[in-house]
Structures are given as C-alpha cells and as structure tokens.
Amino acid sequence: MKLIVGLGNPGEKYARTRHNVGFMALTRLAEKAGISLKKKGHQGIYGTGVAAGAQVTLLLPQTYMNLSGASVGSALKSLGGSPGDLLVLHDDVDLPFGVLRIKIGGGHGGQKGVRHIMEVLGSGDFMRLRIGVGRPEVGQEVADHVLRPFGRDEQDMLDKILDTSVEAVETILRDGAPKAMNIFHAQEAKVSIQSAKRG
C-alpha cells in the first residue's frame, strides 16, 4: 500500500496559504477517489481506499509543518511500509508558481516538513511531488511568503494546478514515476516554449 501525504499546517488560519498547497492537492485527490479523510490517528487525519487502481492511505499530518515526520513516521510504521512506499506532496519556493516536479530521493531543499520526515525516517529515499509556489519578492522573508494566501491572480490558476497535481499522482500510481516525469515535466517545457514565443 502506498502512503500519500500532503504537507501543510492545520487550522483555518493557514488553510489557503502557499505552505498548504500539499494539503489542498491531497484533499482534491481524496475527493476525486471518493476517500473520506475522517479517521484520526498518527497525529493526523487520514483515510484509506483506492486511487488510480492502487490501494492507498492518504494522510494530512496535524503536527504543523516543521514536525511532519512524527505523523508520517507513525503511519508508515503502522502500514509496515518503507520510504519507497511514500509519496509526499509539498510546496516548493524554488519552483515558479504552478510548476510541478516529481523527485525521488535527494535533499530537502530547505522544505522543513520534508527535512523532518527525512530525520525521522533516517532516509530521503521517498518520492515527492514538488508544487511550485514561487519565490518571495525582494526583501520578503521566505516564511512570510509561504504563510500568505495566494494572490488574486494566482487563485484563478490554483484549481487547474491542483487538478494537474492529482493527475500527476494518479499517473505515478498507475504507470510509475518515470512515465509521470516524462508527461508532466514535458508539459512544463511545452508551456515554457510557448511563453517564450509569445514574448
């Protein structure tokens, strides 16, 4: 069984912030798959079911971002899984807004939730779907940037980005990460080329 985790901070205060785009994407996946996120355990809220033909557990840690590993580690241990069974959906300030990147292993890139998961698991050998939220403006702290809601122009694009994130996860589950990378990284390249032509 795959454990799919959306990272974010609990509570209405953070619900629509950039840091919670992982929560948003996982919730959208749960809605599409018909999986109820109502069970409480592992310091989080979770549900189990089938997504894209695969048995999955979907988890929203309620520990706050910086301590996400406590929830993830507990759930993965309970499932008898290894880091290779884990997929984490999270925001990434090093990617332009709306750009998706699928990554297996590697460092945490400064993302504190991912960093804590790596510390708890003692491994970085898990898959991530990095969802770009853009870099802060000059003079703005990263923490302030990610804890702010999306701008009005970004809100218009957010639904499409969340739907595409769900499609990426479904492709990973159905066809594997390499194929998902080919499809979704190529989409990004196509958009970049089109933008360059318009420029």
N, C-alpha and C. Protein backbone atom coordinates (compact mmCIF):
# COMPACT_ATOMS: atom_id res chain seq x y z
N MET A 1 0.84 -1.20 0.00
CA MET A 1 0.00 0.00 0.00
C MET A 1 0.87 1.25 0.00
N LYS A 2 0.49 2.22 -0.83
CA LYS A 2 1.20 3.49 -0.87
C LYS A 2 0.66 4.42 0.22
N LEU A 3 1.56 5.13 0.87
CA LEU A 3 1.20 6.20 1.79
C LEU A 3 1.44 7.52 1.07
N ILE A 4 0.38 8.28 0.87
CA ILE A 4 0.49 9.57 0.20
C ILE A 4 0.17 10.65 1.22
N VAL A 5 1.06 11.60 1.35
CA VAL A 5 0.97 12.61 2.40
C VAL A 5 0.95 14.00 1.78
N GLY A 6 0.02 14.82 2.24
CA GLY A 6 0.02 16.23 1.86
C GLY A 6 0.53 17.05 3.03
N LEU A 7 1.52 17.89 2.79
CA LEU A 7 2.08 18.69 3.88
C LEU A 7 1.40 20.05 3.98
N GLY A 8 1.28 20.52 5.22
CA GLY A 8 0.68 21.82 5.47
C GLY A 8 0.57 22.06 6.96
N ASN A 9 -0.13 23.11 7.32
CA ASN A 9 -0.39 23.44 8.72
C ASN A 9 -1.89 23.33 8.98
N PRO A 10 -2.28 22.76 10.13
CA PRO A 10 -3.70 22.63 10.44
C PRO A 10 -4.31 23.97 10.83
N GLY A 11 -5.62 24.08 10.69
CA GLY A 11 -6.33 25.26 11.14
C GLY A 11 -6.72 26.20 10.02
N GLU A 12 -7.82 26.90 10.23
CA GLU A 12 -8.37 27.80 9.22
C GLU A 12 -7.41 28.93 8.87
N LYS A 13 -6.61 29.36 9.85
CA LYS A 13 -5.66 30.46 9.62
C LYS A 13 -4.73 30.18 8.45
N TYR A 14 -4.35 28.91 8.27
CA TYR A 14 -3.36 28.55 7.25
C TYR A 14 -3.99 27.91 6.00
N ALA A 15 -5.30 27.73 6.01
CA ALA A 15 -5.96 26.86 5.03
C ALA A 15 -5.65 27.22 3.58
N ARG A 16 -5.58 28.51 3.24
CA ARG A 16 -5.40 28.91 1.84
C ARG A 16 -4.03 29.50 1.57
N THR A 17 -3.08 29.21 2.43
CA THR A 17 -1.73 29.75 2.23
C THR A 17 -0.92 28.87 1.29
N ARG A 18 0.17 29.45 0.78
CA ARG A 18 1.04 28.71 -0.14
C ARG A 18 1.61 27.45 0.51
N HIS A 19 1.92 27.54 1.80
CA HIS A 19 2.51 26.41 2.51
C HIS A 19 1.57 25.22 2.56
N ASN A 20 0.29 25.46 2.33
CA ASN A 20 -0.71 24.39 2.45
C ASN A 20 -1.14 23.81 1.12
N VAL A 21 -0.38 24.08 0.05
CA VAL A 21 -0.79 23.56 -1.24
C VAL A 21 -0.71 22.02 -1.28
N GLY A 22 0.15 21.44 -0.45
CA GLY A 22 0.19 19.98 -0.32
C GLY A 22 -1.10 19.43 0.28
N PHE A 23 -1.61 20.11 1.33
CA PHE A 23 -2.91 19.75 1.90
C PHE A 23 -3.99 19.83 0.83
N MET A 24 -3.98 20.94 0.08
CA MET A 24 -5.02 21.17 -0.92
C MET A 24 -5.01 20.08 -1.99
N ALA A 25 -3.82 19.73 -2.46
CA ALA A 25 -3.70 18.71 -3.51
C ALA A 25 -4.15 17.35 -3.01
N LEU A 26 -3.78 16.99 -1.78
CA LEU A 26 -4.18 15.69 -1.25
C LEU A 26 -5.69 15.64 -1.04
N THR A 27 -6.26 16.73 -0.56
CA THR A 27 -7.71 16.79 -0.36
C THR A 27 -8.44 16.65 -1.69
N ARG A 28 -7.90 17.27 -2.74
CA ARG A 28 -8.50 17.16 -4.08
C ARG A 28 -8.41 15.71 -4.57
N LEU A 29 -7.28 15.05 -4.31
CA LEU A 29 -7.13 13.63 -4.68
C LEU A 29 -8.14 12.77 -3.95
N ALA A 30 -8.31 13.02 -2.65
CA ALA A 30 -9.27 12.24 -1.86
C ALA A 30 -10.69 12.41 -2.38
N GLU A 31 -11.04 13.65 -2.73
CA GLU A 31 -12.38 13.92 -3.26
C GLU A 31 -12.61 13.15 -4.57
N LYS A 32 -11.62 13.18 -5.45
CA LYS A 32 -11.76 12.51 -6.75
C LYS A 32 -11.85 11.00 -6.58
N ALA A 33 -11.09 10.45 -5.63
CA ALA A 33 -11.06 9.00 -5.42
C ALA A 33 -12.20 8.52 -4.52
N GLY A 34 -12.94 9.46 -3.93
CA GLY A 34 -14.02 9.08 -3.02
C GLY A 34 -13.51 8.51 -1.70
N ILE A 35 -12.37 9.00 -1.25
CA ILE A 35 -11.78 8.55 0.01
C ILE A 35 -12.05 9.60 1.08
N SER A 36 -12.71 9.20 2.15
CA SER A 36 -13.05 10.12 3.25
C SER A 36 -11.86 10.30 4.18
N LEU A 37 -11.49 11.56 4.43
CA LEU A 37 -10.38 11.86 5.34
C LEU A 37 -10.96 12.21 6.71
N LYS A 38 -11.43 11.19 7.42
CA LYS A 38 -12.09 11.43 8.70
C LYS A 38 -11.49 10.64 9.87
N LYS A 39 -10.62 9.69 9.55
CA LYS A 39 -10.02 8.90 10.62
C LYS A 39 -8.93 9.73 11.32
N LYS A 40 -8.86 9.58 12.62
CA LYS A 40 -7.85 10.31 13.39
C LYS A 40 -6.84 9.32 13.95
N GLY A 41 -5.58 9.61 13.77
CA GLY A 41 -4.51 8.76 14.26
C GLY A 41 -3.19 9.19 13.67
N HIS A 42 -2.11 8.71 14.22
CA HIS A 42 -0.77 9.05 13.73
C HIS A 42 -0.55 10.58 13.75
N GLN A 43 -1.16 11.25 14.72
CA GLN A 43 -1.06 12.72 14.82
C GLN A 43 -1.51 13.38 13.52
N GLY A 44 -2.53 12.78 12.92
CA GLY A 44 -3.02 13.33 11.66
C GLY A 44 -4.45 12.89 11.39
N ILE A 45 -4.93 13.26 10.21
CA ILE A 45 -6.23 12.85 9.71
C ILE A 45 -5.97 12.03 8.44
N TYR A 46 -6.63 10.88 8.32
CA TYR A 46 -6.30 10.03 7.19
C TYR A 46 -7.51 9.24 6.70
N GLY A 47 -7.34 8.62 5.56
CA GLY A 47 -8.36 7.74 5.01
C GLY A 47 -7.69 6.70 4.12
N THR A 48 -8.35 5.60 3.90
CA THR A 48 -7.81 4.55 3.04
C THR A 48 -8.81 4.22 1.94
N GLY A 49 -8.29 3.76 0.82
CA GLY A 49 -9.16 3.42 -0.30
C GLY A 49 -8.35 3.12 -1.53
N VAL A 50 -8.98 3.30 -2.68
CA VAL A 50 -8.33 3.02 -3.96
C VAL A 50 -8.27 4.29 -4.78
N ALA A 51 -7.09 4.60 -5.30
CA ALA A 51 -6.89 5.73 -6.21
C ALA A 51 -6.11 5.23 -7.41
N ALA A 52 -6.61 5.48 -8.61
CA ALA A 52 -5.96 5.05 -9.85
C ALA A 52 -5.60 3.56 -9.81
N GLY A 53 -6.48 2.77 -9.21
CA GLY A 53 -6.30 1.33 -9.17
C GLY A 53 -5.36 0.82 -8.10
N ALA A 54 -4.84 1.71 -7.25
CA ALA A 54 -3.87 1.32 -6.22
C ALA A 54 -4.47 1.50 -4.83
N GLN A 55 -4.14 0.58 -3.93
CA GLN A 55 -4.52 0.72 -2.53
C GLN A 55 -3.66 1.81 -1.90
N VAL A 56 -4.32 2.80 -1.30
CA VAL A 56 -3.57 3.93 -0.74
C VAL A 56 -4.10 4.31 0.63
N THR A 57 -3.22 4.89 1.41
CA THR A 57 -3.60 5.64 2.61
C THR A 57 -3.23 7.09 2.36
N LEU A 58 -4.19 7.98 2.55
CA LEU A 58 -3.97 9.41 2.36
C LEU A 58 -3.92 10.07 3.73
N LEU A 59 -2.88 10.87 3.97
CA LEU A 59 -2.63 11.41 5.31
C LEU A 59 -2.38 12.91 5.27
N LEU A 60 -3.07 13.63 6.17
CA LEU A 60 -2.80 15.05 6.41
C LEU A 60 -2.26 15.18 7.83
N PRO A 61 -0.95 15.33 8.01
CA PRO A 61 -0.40 15.49 9.36
C PRO A 61 -0.99 16.73 10.03
N GLN A 62 -1.25 16.62 11.33
CA GLN A 62 -1.78 17.75 12.09
C GLN A 62 -0.77 18.25 13.11
N THR A 63 0.49 18.06 12.81
CA THR A 63 1.57 18.37 13.75
C THR A 63 2.17 19.75 13.54
N TYR A 64 1.73 20.47 12.54
CA TYR A 64 2.38 21.64 11.97
C TYR A 64 3.55 21.17 11.11
N MET A 65 3.81 21.97 10.10
CA MET A 65 4.75 21.60 9.03
C MET A 65 6.08 21.08 9.54
N ASN A 66 6.69 21.83 10.47
CA ASN A 66 8.06 21.52 10.87
C ASN A 66 8.21 20.19 11.60
N LEU A 67 7.10 19.59 12.03
CA LEU A 67 7.15 18.32 12.75
C LEU A 67 6.40 17.21 12.00
N SER A 68 6.28 17.38 10.69
CA SER A 68 5.52 16.43 9.87
C SER A 68 6.02 15.00 9.99
N GLY A 69 7.30 14.83 10.23
CA GLY A 69 7.88 13.49 10.30
C GLY A 69 7.29 12.62 11.38
N ALA A 70 6.81 13.23 12.49
CA ALA A 70 6.23 12.45 13.58
C ALA A 70 4.99 11.71 13.09
N SER A 71 4.17 12.39 12.34
CA SER A 71 2.95 11.79 11.80
C SER A 71 3.27 10.79 10.71
N VAL A 72 4.13 11.17 9.79
CA VAL A 72 4.47 10.31 8.65
C VAL A 72 5.16 9.03 9.12
N GLY A 73 6.10 9.19 10.04
CA GLY A 73 6.82 8.04 10.55
C GLY A 73 5.90 7.03 11.23
N SER A 74 4.95 7.55 12.01
CA SER A 74 4.00 6.67 12.70
C SER A 74 3.13 5.92 11.70
N ALA A 75 2.62 6.63 10.70
CA ALA A 75 1.73 5.99 9.71
C ALA A 75 2.48 4.95 8.89
N LEU A 76 3.71 5.28 8.47
CA LEU A 76 4.47 4.35 7.65
C LEU A 76 4.82 3.09 8.43
N LYS A 77 5.16 3.26 9.70
CA LYS A 77 5.47 2.11 10.55
C LYS A 77 4.24 1.22 10.72
N SER A 78 3.08 1.85 10.95
CA SER A 78 1.84 1.10 11.13
C SER A 78 1.48 0.30 9.89
N LEU A 79 1.77 0.85 8.73
CA LEU A 79 1.47 0.17 7.46
C LEU A 79 2.51 -0.90 7.11
N GLY A 80 3.61 -0.92 7.87
CA GLY A 80 4.68 -1.87 7.55
C GLY A 80 5.42 -1.49 6.28
N GLY A 81 5.38 -0.20 5.95
CA GLY A 81 6.00 0.25 4.71
C GLY A 81 7.42 0.73 4.89
N SER A 82 8.06 1.01 3.77
CA SER A 82 9.42 1.55 3.74
C SER A 82 9.36 2.92 3.06
N PRO A 83 10.43 3.70 3.10
CA PRO A 83 10.42 5.00 2.42
C PRO A 83 10.01 4.92 0.95
N GLY A 84 10.31 3.82 0.30
CA GLY A 84 9.94 3.66 -1.10
C GLY A 84 8.44 3.59 -1.34
N ASP A 85 7.65 3.39 -0.27
CA ASP A 85 6.20 3.34 -0.38
C ASP A 85 5.55 4.69 -0.12
N LEU A 86 6.37 5.72 0.07
CA LEU A 86 5.89 7.03 0.48
C LEU A 86 5.96 8.05 -0.66
N LEU A 87 4.88 8.81 -0.81
CA LEU A 87 4.83 9.93 -1.75
C LEU A 87 4.37 11.16 -0.97
N VAL A 88 5.17 12.21 -1.00
CA VAL A 88 4.88 13.44 -0.26
C VAL A 88 4.58 14.58 -1.23
N LEU A 89 3.45 15.25 -1.03
CA LEU A 89 3.06 16.40 -1.84
C LEU A 89 3.36 17.66 -1.03
N HIS A 90 4.15 18.57 -1.59
CA HIS A 90 4.53 19.75 -0.80
C HIS A 90 4.82 20.96 -1.67
N ASP A 91 4.76 22.12 -1.04
CA ASP A 91 5.09 23.38 -1.71
C ASP A 91 6.60 23.49 -1.90
N ASP A 92 6.99 24.27 -2.90
CA ASP A 92 8.41 24.47 -3.17
C ASP A 92 8.64 25.88 -3.69
N VAL A 93 9.41 26.67 -2.93
CA VAL A 93 9.67 28.06 -3.33
C VAL A 93 10.71 28.16 -4.43
N ASP A 94 11.42 27.09 -4.69
CA ASP A 94 12.45 27.12 -5.74
C ASP A 94 11.88 26.84 -7.13
N LEU A 95 10.59 26.58 -7.20
CA LEU A 95 9.92 26.38 -8.49
C LEU A 95 8.94 27.52 -8.73
N PRO A 96 8.85 27.99 -9.97
CA PRO A 96 7.86 29.03 -10.28
C PRO A 96 6.45 28.56 -9.93
N PHE A 97 5.59 29.49 -9.64
CA PHE A 97 4.21 29.18 -9.29
C PHE A 97 3.56 28.28 -10.34
N GLY A 98 3.03 27.14 -9.87
CA GLY A 98 2.30 26.23 -10.74
C GLY A 98 3.13 25.16 -11.41
N VAL A 99 4.46 25.25 -11.35
CA VAL A 99 5.31 24.23 -11.96
C VAL A 99 5.38 23.01 -11.04
N LEU A 100 5.28 21.83 -11.63
CA LEU A 100 5.36 20.58 -10.87
C LEU A 100 6.66 19.86 -11.18
N ARG A 101 7.22 19.24 -10.17
CA ARG A 101 8.41 18.41 -10.35
C ARG A 101 8.24 17.14 -9.52
N ILE A 102 8.46 16.00 -10.14
CA ILE A 102 8.45 14.71 -9.44
C ILE A 102 9.90 14.36 -9.14
N LYS A 103 10.16 14.00 -7.91
CA LYS A 103 11.54 13.76 -7.48
C LYS A 103 11.58 12.52 -6.59
N ILE A 104 12.59 11.70 -6.79
CA ILE A 104 12.80 10.53 -5.93
C ILE A 104 14.12 10.70 -5.20
N GLY A 105 14.05 10.73 -3.88
CA GLY A 105 15.27 10.88 -3.09
C GLY A 105 15.85 12.27 -3.17
N GLY A 106 17.09 12.40 -2.69
CA GLY A 106 17.76 13.69 -2.70
C GLY A 106 17.54 14.45 -1.40
N GLY A 107 17.95 15.71 -1.41
CA GLY A 107 17.87 16.54 -0.21
C GLY A 107 16.48 17.12 -0.01
N HIS A 108 16.38 17.97 1.03
CA HIS A 108 15.08 18.55 1.37
C HIS A 108 14.87 19.93 0.76
N GLY A 109 15.92 20.53 0.22
CA GLY A 109 15.79 21.82 -0.46
C GLY A 109 15.30 22.94 0.45
N GLY A 110 15.50 22.79 1.75
CA GLY A 110 15.06 23.82 2.68
C GLY A 110 13.61 23.69 3.12
N GLN A 111 12.88 22.69 2.58
CA GLN A 111 11.48 22.49 2.96
C GLN A 111 11.48 21.77 4.31
N LYS A 112 11.01 22.47 5.36
CA LYS A 112 11.20 21.97 6.72
C LYS A 112 10.36 20.73 7.03
N GLY A 113 9.22 20.59 6.39
CA GLY A 113 8.44 19.37 6.57
C GLY A 113 9.15 18.16 6.01
N VAL A 114 9.69 18.32 4.81
CA VAL A 114 10.45 17.24 4.17
C VAL A 114 11.69 16.92 5.00
N ARG A 115 12.33 17.96 5.49
CA ARG A 115 13.53 17.76 6.31
C ARG A 115 13.22 16.92 7.55
N HIS A 116 12.10 17.21 8.21
CA HIS A 116 11.76 16.45 9.42
C HIS A 116 11.38 15.01 9.09
N ILE A 117 10.71 14.80 7.97
CA ILE A 117 10.41 13.43 7.54
C ILE A 117 11.70 12.65 7.33
N MET A 118 12.68 13.28 6.68
CA MET A 118 13.96 12.62 6.46
C MET A 118 14.65 12.29 7.78
N GLU A 119 14.57 13.20 8.73
CA GLU A 119 15.20 12.97 10.03
C GLU A 119 14.55 11.79 10.75
N VAL A 120 13.23 11.73 10.73
CA VAL A 120 12.51 10.67 11.44
C VAL A 120 12.72 9.31 10.76
N LEU A 121 12.65 9.29 9.43
CA LEU A 121 12.81 8.02 8.70
C LEU A 121 14.27 7.59 8.61
N GLY A 122 15.19 8.55 8.79
CA GLY A 122 16.60 8.24 8.61
C GLY A 122 16.94 7.98 7.16
N SER A 123 16.10 8.52 6.26
CA SER A 123 16.28 8.29 4.83
C SER A 123 15.55 9.36 4.05
N GLY A 124 16.10 9.68 2.89
CA GLY A 124 15.41 10.57 1.96
C GLY A 124 14.91 9.84 0.74
N ASP A 125 14.90 8.50 0.80
CA ASP A 125 14.57 7.69 -0.38
C ASP A 125 13.07 7.52 -0.57
N PHE A 126 12.37 8.65 -0.58
CA PHE A 126 10.94 8.62 -0.86
C PHE A 126 10.64 9.60 -1.99
N MET A 127 9.47 9.45 -2.57
CA MET A 127 9.09 10.26 -3.72
C MET A 127 8.42 11.55 -3.25
N ARG A 128 8.64 12.61 -4.01
CA ARG A 128 7.98 13.87 -3.70
C ARG A 128 7.34 14.42 -4.96
N LEU A 129 6.20 15.05 -4.81
CA LEU A 129 5.63 15.90 -5.85
C LEU A 129 5.78 17.33 -5.36
N ARG A 130 6.72 18.03 -5.97
CA ARG A 130 7.01 19.42 -5.60
C ARG A 130 6.09 20.34 -6.39
N ILE A 131 5.36 21.17 -5.69
CA ILE A 131 4.39 22.08 -6.31
C ILE A 131 4.90 23.50 -6.14
N GLY A 132 5.25 24.14 -7.25
CA GLY A 132 5.88 25.45 -7.18
C GLY A 132 4.94 26.54 -6.67
N VAL A 133 5.44 27.33 -5.72
CA VAL A 133 4.68 28.48 -5.20
C VAL A 133 5.43 29.78 -5.44
N GLY A 134 6.57 29.70 -6.14
CA GLY A 134 7.33 30.91 -6.47
C GLY A 134 8.15 31.43 -5.30
N ARG A 135 9.12 32.26 -5.64
CA ARG A 135 9.99 32.84 -4.63
C ARG A 135 9.38 34.13 -4.09
N PRO A 136 9.75 34.52 -2.87
CA PRO A 136 9.24 35.78 -2.32
C PRO A 136 9.80 36.98 -3.09
N GLU A 137 9.11 38.09 -2.96
CA GLU A 137 9.59 39.33 -3.55
C GLU A 137 10.86 39.77 -2.84
N VAL A 138 11.63 40.61 -3.49
CA VAL A 138 12.87 41.12 -2.91
C VAL A 138 12.58 41.78 -1.57
N GLY A 139 13.32 41.35 -0.56
CA GLY A 139 13.16 41.91 0.78
C GLY A 139 12.14 41.18 1.64
N GLN A 140 11.40 40.25 1.05
CA GLN A 140 10.41 39.50 1.81
C GLN A 140 11.00 38.19 2.29
N GLU A 141 10.74 37.85 3.54
CA GLU A 141 11.23 36.59 4.10
C GLU A 141 10.46 35.41 3.51
N VAL A 142 11.16 34.29 3.34
CA VAL A 142 10.52 33.09 2.80
C VAL A 142 9.34 32.68 3.67
N ALA A 143 9.52 32.72 5.01
CA ALA A 143 8.44 32.31 5.92
C ALA A 143 7.20 33.16 5.72
N ASP A 144 7.38 34.46 5.54
CA ASP A 144 6.22 35.34 5.32
C ASP A 144 5.54 35.00 3.99
N HIS A 145 6.36 34.69 3.00
CA HIS A 145 5.83 34.38 1.67
C HIS A 145 4.96 33.13 1.69
N VAL A 146 5.47 32.06 2.28
CA VAL A 146 4.73 30.79 2.22
C VAL A 146 3.52 30.78 3.15
N LEU A 147 3.51 31.66 4.15
CA LEU A 147 2.38 31.70 5.08
C LEU A 147 1.33 32.74 4.68
N ARG A 148 1.50 33.32 3.49
CA ARG A 148 0.50 34.23 2.95
C ARG A 148 -0.43 33.48 1.99
N PRO A 149 -1.69 33.92 1.91
CA PRO A 149 -2.60 33.32 0.92
C PRO A 149 -2.11 33.62 -0.49
N PHE A 150 -2.55 32.82 -1.43
CA PHE A 150 -2.27 33.08 -2.84
C PHE A 150 -2.91 34.40 -3.25
N GLY A 151 -2.26 35.10 -4.17
CA GLY A 151 -2.81 36.35 -4.68
C GLY A 151 -4.04 36.10 -5.54
N ARG A 152 -4.75 37.17 -5.86
CA ARG A 152 -6.00 37.04 -6.61
C ARG A 152 -5.75 36.41 -7.98
N ASP A 153 -4.69 36.84 -8.66
CA ASP A 153 -4.39 36.28 -9.98
C ASP A 153 -3.99 34.82 -9.87
N GLU A 154 -3.29 34.47 -8.77
CA GLU A 154 -2.90 33.07 -8.55
C GLU A 154 -4.11 32.19 -8.24
N GLN A 155 -5.08 32.75 -7.51
CA GLN A 155 -6.27 31.98 -7.16
C GLN A 155 -6.99 31.48 -8.40
N ASP A 156 -6.96 32.31 -9.46
CA ASP A 156 -7.63 31.93 -10.71
C ASP A 156 -7.00 30.68 -11.33
N MET A 157 -5.69 30.47 -11.07
CA MET A 157 -4.96 29.35 -11.66
C MET A 157 -4.90 28.13 -10.73
N LEU A 158 -5.23 28.36 -9.45
CA LEU A 158 -4.98 27.33 -8.44
C LEU A 158 -5.75 26.04 -8.69
N ASP A 159 -7.01 26.15 -9.08
CA ASP A 159 -7.81 24.95 -9.34
C ASP A 159 -7.16 24.06 -10.39
N LYS A 160 -6.68 24.67 -11.47
CA LYS A 160 -6.03 23.91 -12.53
C LYS A 160 -4.76 23.24 -12.03
N ILE A 161 -4.00 23.96 -11.22
CA ILE A 161 -2.75 23.40 -10.67
C ILE A 161 -3.06 22.21 -9.76
N LEU A 162 -4.09 22.31 -8.94
CA LEU A 162 -4.46 21.20 -8.06
C LEU A 162 -4.94 20.00 -8.87
N ASP A 163 -5.74 20.26 -9.91
CA ASP A 163 -6.20 19.16 -10.77
C ASP A 163 -5.02 18.47 -11.46
N THR A 164 -4.05 19.27 -11.92
CA THR A 164 -2.88 18.69 -12.58
C THR A 164 -2.03 17.90 -11.59
N SER A 165 -1.95 18.38 -10.36
CA SER A 165 -1.23 17.65 -9.31
C SER A 165 -1.86 16.28 -9.07
N VAL A 166 -3.19 16.25 -9.04
CA VAL A 166 -3.90 14.98 -8.87
C VAL A 166 -3.63 14.05 -10.05
N GLU A 167 -3.65 14.59 -11.26
CA GLU A 167 -3.33 13.78 -12.44
C GLU A 167 -1.92 13.21 -12.36
N ALA A 168 -0.99 14.00 -11.85
CA ALA A 168 0.39 13.52 -11.71
C ALA A 168 0.47 12.36 -10.73
N VAL A 169 -0.22 12.49 -9.60
CA VAL A 169 -0.22 11.41 -8.60
C VAL A 169 -0.86 10.15 -9.19
N GLU A 170 -1.97 10.31 -9.89
CA GLU A 170 -2.65 9.16 -10.50
C GLU A 170 -1.75 8.47 -11.52
N THR A 171 -1.00 9.25 -12.28
CA THR A 171 -0.09 8.66 -13.26
C THR A 171 1.04 7.90 -12.58
N ILE A 172 1.55 8.45 -11.48
CA ILE A 172 2.58 7.75 -10.70
C ILE A 172 2.04 6.40 -10.22
N LEU A 173 0.83 6.41 -9.68
CA LEU A 173 0.24 5.18 -9.13
C LEU A 173 -0.05 4.16 -10.22
N ARG A 174 -0.50 4.63 -11.37
CA ARG A 174 -0.94 3.73 -12.44
C ARG A 174 0.21 3.25 -13.31
N ASP A 175 1.12 4.18 -13.63
CA ASP A 175 2.15 3.90 -14.64
C ASP A 175 3.59 4.02 -14.15
N GLY A 176 3.78 4.51 -12.93
CA GLY A 176 5.12 4.65 -12.39
C GLY A 176 5.67 6.06 -12.54
N ALA A 177 6.69 6.35 -11.73
CA ALA A 177 7.27 7.70 -11.69
C ALA A 177 7.94 8.10 -13.00
N PRO A 178 8.72 7.22 -13.66
CA PRO A 178 9.40 7.66 -14.89
C PRO A 178 8.43 8.17 -15.95
N LYS A 179 7.31 7.46 -16.15
CA LYS A 179 6.34 7.91 -17.14
C LYS A 179 5.71 9.23 -16.72
N ALA A 180 5.40 9.36 -15.42
CA ALA A 180 4.82 10.60 -14.92
C ALA A 180 5.78 11.77 -15.13
N MET A 181 7.06 11.54 -14.90
CA MET A 181 8.05 12.58 -15.13
C MET A 181 8.07 13.00 -16.60
N ASN A 182 8.04 12.02 -17.49
CA ASN A 182 8.06 12.32 -18.93
C ASN A 182 6.86 13.18 -19.32
N ILE A 183 5.71 12.84 -18.79
CA ILE A 183 4.49 13.57 -19.16
C ILE A 183 4.47 14.96 -18.55
N PHE A 184 4.65 15.05 -17.24
CA PHE A 184 4.41 16.33 -16.56
C PHE A 184 5.59 17.28 -16.65
N HIS A 185 6.81 16.75 -16.74
CA HIS A 185 7.94 17.65 -16.96
C HIS A 185 7.94 18.15 -18.40
N ALA A 186 7.47 17.32 -19.33
CA ALA A 186 7.38 17.75 -20.73
C ALA A 186 6.31 18.83 -20.89
N GLN A 187 5.20 18.71 -20.15
CA GLN A 187 4.16 19.74 -20.20
C GLN A 187 4.73 21.08 -19.80
N GLU A 188 5.55 21.06 -18.76
CA GLU A 188 6.16 22.31 -18.28
C GLU A 188 7.06 22.91 -19.36
N ALA A 189 7.85 22.06 -20.02
CA ALA A 189 8.74 22.54 -21.07
C ALA A 189 7.94 23.15 -22.22
N LYS A 190 6.82 22.50 -22.56
CA LYS A 190 5.97 23.00 -23.64
C LYS A 190 5.41 24.37 -23.29
N VAL A 191 4.96 24.54 -22.06
CA VAL A 191 4.43 25.83 -21.62
C VAL A 191 5.52 26.90 -21.68
N SER A 192 6.73 26.54 -21.25
CA SER A 192 7.84 27.49 -21.27
C SER A 192 8.17 27.93 -22.69
N ILE A 193 8.15 26.98 -23.63
CA ILE A 193 8.44 27.31 -25.04
C ILE A 193 7.36 28.24 -25.60
N GLN A 194 6.11 27.93 -25.29
CA GLN A 194 5.01 28.78 -25.75
C GLN A 194 5.12 30.20 -25.20
N SER A 195 5.49 30.29 -23.91
CA SER A 195 5.65 31.60 -23.28
C SER A 195 6.76 32.39 -23.95
N ALA A 196 7.85 31.70 -24.26
CA ALA A 196 9.00 32.34 -24.91
C ALA A 196 8.61 32.87 -26.29
N LYS A 197 7.80 32.08 -27.03
CA LYS A 197 7.36 32.50 -28.36
C LYS A 197 6.47 33.74 -28.28
N ARG A 198 5.60 33.75 -27.25
CA ARG A 198 4.72 34.91 -27.09
C ARG A 198 5.54 36.14 -26.72
N GLY A 199 6.61 35.92 -25.93
CA GLY A 199 7.47 37.04 -25.53
C GLY A 199 8.23 37.61 -26.71
